[in-house]
Amino acid sequence: MSDHVHDENCNHDHDHEEHVFLVTDEEGNEREMVMVFTFESEDQVYSVLLDRNDPEADGVIFRIEEEDGEAFLVGIEDDAEWDRVTAIYEEIAKRENEANN
């Protein structure tokens, strides 16, 4: 499981290329979202995205799926899967927060 957050506190040398996605919310509004974190659970890869224009807002978790060599984001609709990945992410975020304090 990767639990490294690529942000300004990252202390090793590599590019911090910003991955921006246009995401349409429930009301049909498009938001620019930035991928800030990825992690794995049960052989699936998940990504946490933050609103590029409102970085203090809560992040959104998507499953990353690949088809024909291309990756795309998929919303998580299964309640059990959602509960599992949010618990994992909350634990990772808690550890990162403790490490940075």
Protein backbone atom coordinates (compact mmCIF):
# COMPACT_ATOMS: atom_id res chain seq x y z
CA MET A 1 0.00 0.00 0.00
CA SER A 2 1.36 3.41 -0.91
CA ASP A 3 0.82 5.89 1.87
CA HIS A 4 2.91 8.77 0.61
CA VAL A 5 1.24 12.13 0.13
CA HIS A 6 2.79 14.23 -2.62
CA ASP A 7 2.57 17.72 -1.19
CA GLU A 8 4.82 20.58 -0.09
CA ASN A 9 6.00 18.48 2.88
CA CYS A 10 7.40 15.76 0.64
CA ASN A 11 11.12 15.54 1.40
CA HIS A 12 12.55 13.62 -1.52
CA ASP A 13 13.43 14.53 -5.07
CA HIS A 14 10.85 13.87 -7.78
CA ASP A 15 8.46 15.84 -9.92
CA HIS A 16 5.18 16.97 -8.43
CA GLU A 17 3.18 17.08 -11.62
CA GLU A 18 -0.37 18.20 -10.98
CA HIS A 19 -2.98 15.76 -12.31
CA VAL A 20 -6.15 17.79 -12.93
CA PHE A 21 -9.51 16.19 -13.71
CA LEU A 22 -12.86 17.76 -14.56
CA VAL A 23 -15.45 16.13 -12.29
CA THR A 24 -19.19 16.75 -12.54
CA ASP A 25 -20.98 16.75 -9.19
CA GLU A 26 -24.55 15.66 -8.41
CA GLU A 27 -25.91 19.09 -9.40
CA GLY A 28 -24.17 18.98 -12.79
CA ASN A 29 -21.46 21.51 -11.84
CA GLU A 30 -18.00 20.86 -13.23
CA ARG A 31 -15.14 21.19 -10.78
CA GLU A 32 -11.41 21.05 -11.40
CA MET A 33 -10.07 18.34 -9.11
CA VAL A 34 -6.43 17.61 -8.35
CA MET A 35 -5.19 14.10 -7.58
CA VAL A 36 -3.32 14.39 -4.30
CA PHE A 37 -3.03 10.83 -3.07
CA THR A 38 -3.38 7.22 -4.19
CA PHE A 39 -3.60 3.99 -2.21
CA GLU A 40 -4.45 0.33 -2.75
CA SER A 41 -6.99 -1.97 -1.14
CA GLU A 42 -8.00 -5.49 -2.18
CA ASP A 43 -6.12 -5.29 -5.51
CA GLN A 44 -7.85 -2.03 -6.45
CA VAL A 45 -6.22 1.39 -6.68
CA TYR A 46 -8.00 4.44 -5.28
CA SER A 47 -7.32 8.13 -5.65
CA VAL A 48 -8.17 11.08 -3.46
CA LEU A 49 -8.97 14.28 -5.32
CA LEU A 50 -9.30 17.80 -3.92
CA ASP A 51 -11.12 20.73 -5.47
CA ARG A 52 -8.40 22.80 -7.15
CA ASN A 53 -10.22 26.05 -6.31
CA ASP A 54 -11.20 25.04 -2.76
CA PRO A 55 -8.37 22.92 -1.30
CA GLU A 56 -9.87 23.18 2.20
CA ALA A 57 -13.00 21.28 1.08
CA ASP A 58 -13.28 17.57 1.77
CA GLY A 59 -11.53 15.27 -0.68
CA VAL A 60 -13.36 12.82 -2.91
CA ILE A 61 -12.28 9.19 -3.33
CA PHE A 62 -12.50 7.43 -6.70
CA ARG A 63 -11.51 3.95 -7.82
CA ILE A 64 -8.96 3.94 -10.65
CA GLU A 65 -9.69 1.38 -13.36
CA GLU A 66 -7.76 0.59 -16.51
CA GLU A 67 -9.10 -0.36 -19.89
CA ASP A 68 -7.01 -0.72 -23.06
CA GLY A 69 -4.02 0.82 -21.29
CA GLU A 70 -5.92 3.94 -20.22
CA ALA A 71 -6.76 4.78 -16.62
CA PHE A 72 -10.02 6.41 -15.64
CA LEU A 73 -11.81 7.38 -12.43
CA VAL A 74 -14.90 5.52 -11.30
CA GLY A 75 -17.26 6.63 -8.55
CA ILE A 76 -17.71 4.19 -5.66
CA GLU A 77 -21.36 3.21 -5.35
CA ASP A 78 -21.08 0.08 -3.22
CA ASP A 79 -21.60 1.01 0.46
CA ALA A 80 -19.30 -1.73 1.79
CA GLU A 81 -16.50 -0.71 -0.58
CA TRP A 82 -17.01 2.96 0.33
CA ASP A 83 -16.88 2.23 4.06
CA ARG A 84 -13.71 0.16 3.61
CA VAL A 85 -11.79 2.73 1.55
CA THR A 86 -12.83 5.72 3.64
CA ALA A 87 -11.66 3.90 6.80
CA ILE A 88 -8.32 3.16 5.13
CA TYR A 89 -7.91 6.73 3.94
CA GLU A 90 -8.85 8.18 7.35
CA GLU A 91 -6.19 5.99 8.99
CA ILE A 92 -3.56 7.04 6.44
CA ALA A 93 -4.49 10.71 6.83
CA LYS A 94 -4.28 10.37 10.61
CA ARG A 95 -0.76 8.86 10.39
CA GLU A 96 0.36 11.57 7.94
CA ASN A 97 -1.06 14.26 10.22
CA GLU A 98 0.73 12.81 13.25
CA ALA A 99 4.01 12.56 11.29
CA ASN A 100 3.77 16.22 10.25
CA ASN A 101 3.05 17.52 13.78
